[in-house]
Amino acid sequence: MRMMKTRNSLLSPRSLVVHAVGIGAAVWLGKAWGKNTKED
């Protein structure tokens, strides 16, 4: 990933959106997985 060249790129709007989407997906998957595992 060449986007990691400069630390300033980590604060770029695009990077923030990517992180937000990634966290949202992780939370959504966690909830979905939690529902599936709570069936016992």
Protein backbone atom coordinates (compact mmCIF):
# COMPACT_ATOMS: atom_id res chain seq x y z
CA MET A 1 0.00 0.00 0.00
CA ARG A 2 1.73 3.14 -1.19
CA MET A 3 -0.77 5.35 0.64
CA MET A 4 1.24 4.74 3.80
CA LYS A 5 4.16 6.81 2.41
CA THR A 6 3.30 9.93 4.39
CA ARG A 7 1.65 10.07 7.78
CA ASN A 8 -0.42 13.02 6.59
CA SER A 9 -2.24 10.65 4.24
CA LEU A 10 -3.62 8.88 7.32
CA LEU A 11 -5.55 12.05 8.14
CA SER A 12 -6.90 12.51 4.62
CA PRO A 13 -10.71 12.49 4.20
CA ARG A 14 -10.47 9.45 1.94
CA SER A 15 -8.55 7.53 4.61
CA LEU A 16 -11.06 8.54 7.28
CA VAL A 17 -13.90 7.26 5.08
CA VAL A 18 -12.07 3.99 4.50
CA HIS A 19 -11.51 3.52 8.22
CA ALA A 20 -15.13 4.44 9.01
CA VAL A 21 -16.42 1.92 6.46
CA GLY A 22 -14.03 -0.73 7.72
CA ILE A 23 -15.08 -0.21 11.34
CA GLY A 24 -18.76 -0.15 10.37
CA ALA A 25 -18.37 -3.40 8.44
CA ALA A 26 -16.51 -5.00 11.36
CA VAL A 27 -19.24 -3.95 13.80
CA TRP A 28 -21.97 -5.17 11.45
CA LEU A 29 -20.22 -8.51 10.97
CA GLY A 30 -19.71 -8.76 14.73
CA LYS A 31 -23.43 -8.23 15.37
CA ALA A 32 -24.44 -10.69 12.65
CA TRP A 33 -21.96 -13.27 13.93
CA GLY A 34 -23.10 -12.65 17.51
CA LYS A 35 -26.72 -13.36 16.54
CA ASN A 36 -25.69 -16.62 14.87
CA THR A 37 -23.63 -17.79 17.86
CA LYS A 38 -26.30 -16.89 20.44
CA GLU A 39 -28.71 -19.46 19.05
CA ASP A 40 -27.42 -22.12 21.44
